[in-house]
Amino acid sequence: MNPVFRSDNVRDTGMSRVVGNNHLKLNLAEDETTRFGMDGIAFQMGQHFSFISRKIPFDVCYSLDENTFNNKTSIQMNVKDIKLK
């Protein structure tokens, strides 16, 4: 089992978007001055995009996974739950 982490009061950096069938491709930061945050994917959570895109802080639970795309591997959050405030 992978450990599950929690981060409070994260915000969208402005680079998050809905992809596929209702998934969120996220880029989150812990403060409003960070331009490039941590990438993540939230499967079946596209309904939260209208809130997240307004850059209002929210809490998130996630595990960390390797993501390989175009022969480039990076670490990304695999979001398990989003708690809107």
Protein backbone atom coordinates (compact mmCIF):
# COMPACT_ATOMS: atom_id res chain seq x y z
CA MET A 1 0.00 0.00 0.00
CA ASN A 2 1.14 3.53 -0.76
CA PRO A 3 1.00 6.09 2.03
CA VAL A 4 -1.73 8.72 1.76
CA PHE A 5 -0.82 12.34 2.45
CA ARG A 6 -2.94 15.37 3.24
CA SER A 7 -2.22 18.97 2.30
CA ASP A 8 -4.40 21.80 3.55
CA ASN A 9 -5.11 25.12 1.87
CA VAL A 10 -3.67 24.33 -1.55
CA ARG A 11 -4.62 26.40 -4.61
CA ASP A 12 -4.72 25.96 -8.35
CA THR A 13 -1.77 27.72 -10.03
CA GLY A 14 -3.98 28.48 -13.04
CA MET A 15 -2.71 25.50 -15.03
CA SER A 16 -5.31 22.91 -13.94
CA ARG A 17 -7.87 21.62 -16.43
CA VAL A 18 -10.47 18.92 -17.09
CA VAL A 19 -9.21 16.03 -19.22
CA GLY A 20 -10.83 12.89 -20.63
CA ASN A 21 -14.15 11.88 -19.15
CA ASN A 22 -14.42 14.01 -16.00
CA HIS A 23 -10.82 13.84 -14.73
CA LEU A 24 -8.80 16.76 -13.37
CA LYS A 25 -5.20 17.38 -14.37
CA LEU A 26 -4.04 19.56 -11.48
CA ASN A 27 -1.15 21.86 -10.73
CA LEU A 28 -1.37 22.89 -7.07
CA ALA A 29 0.65 25.13 -4.78
CA GLU A 30 0.56 25.93 -1.07
CA ASP A 31 0.51 29.70 -1.56
CA GLU A 32 -0.81 32.18 -4.11
CA THR A 33 2.65 33.43 -5.15
CA THR A 34 3.91 30.07 -6.47
CA ARG A 35 3.76 29.93 -10.26
CA PHE A 36 4.65 26.25 -10.71
CA GLY A 37 3.26 23.76 -8.24
CA MET A 38 2.98 20.00 -7.94
CA ASP A 39 1.23 18.10 -10.73
CA GLY A 40 -1.58 15.71 -9.95
CA ILE A 41 -4.44 13.72 -11.40
CA ALA A 42 -7.90 13.39 -9.84
CA PHE A 43 -9.93 10.68 -11.57
CA GLN A 44 -13.70 11.25 -11.81
CA MET A 45 -13.50 14.61 -9.98
CA GLY A 46 -14.07 17.02 -12.87
CA GLN A 47 -17.13 18.42 -11.11
CA HIS A 48 -14.78 20.33 -8.77
CA PHE A 49 -13.11 22.32 -11.56
CA SER A 50 -15.38 25.38 -11.38
CA PHE A 51 -14.45 25.81 -7.70
CA ILE A 52 -10.76 24.93 -8.01
CA SER A 53 -10.20 27.22 -11.00
CA ARG A 54 -11.22 30.24 -8.89
CA LYS A 55 -8.02 29.70 -6.86
CA ILE A 56 -9.91 29.31 -3.59
CA PRO A 57 -7.96 27.21 -1.03
CA PHE A 58 -9.07 23.62 -0.46
CA ASP A 59 -7.73 20.46 1.20
CA VAL A 60 -6.55 17.39 -0.67
CA CYS A 61 -5.62 13.77 0.15
CA TYR A 62 -3.28 11.97 -2.26
CA SER A 63 -0.64 9.35 -2.80
CA LEU A 64 2.49 9.92 -4.88
CA ASP A 65 2.97 8.04 -8.14
CA GLU A 66 5.40 8.02 -11.04
CA ASN A 67 3.90 9.33 -14.27
CA THR A 68 5.60 8.60 -17.59
CA PHE A 69 4.48 10.64 -20.59
CA ASN A 70 6.44 11.12 -23.83
CA ASN A 71 9.37 9.19 -22.33
CA LYS A 72 9.62 11.65 -19.44
CA THR A 73 9.00 10.37 -15.91
CA SER A 74 7.90 12.66 -13.09
CA ILE A 75 6.26 12.40 -9.68
CA GLN A 76 2.61 13.39 -9.48
CA MET A 77 -0.14 13.37 -6.89
CA ASN A 78 -2.82 10.74 -7.35
CA VAL A 79 -5.69 12.58 -5.66
CA LYS A 80 -7.99 10.43 -3.53
CA ASP A 81 -10.26 13.15 -2.15
CA ILE A 82 -10.86 16.88 -2.35
CA LYS A 83 -12.44 18.86 0.47
CA LEU A 84 -13.83 22.21 -0.63
CA LYS A 85 -14.17 24.95 1.97
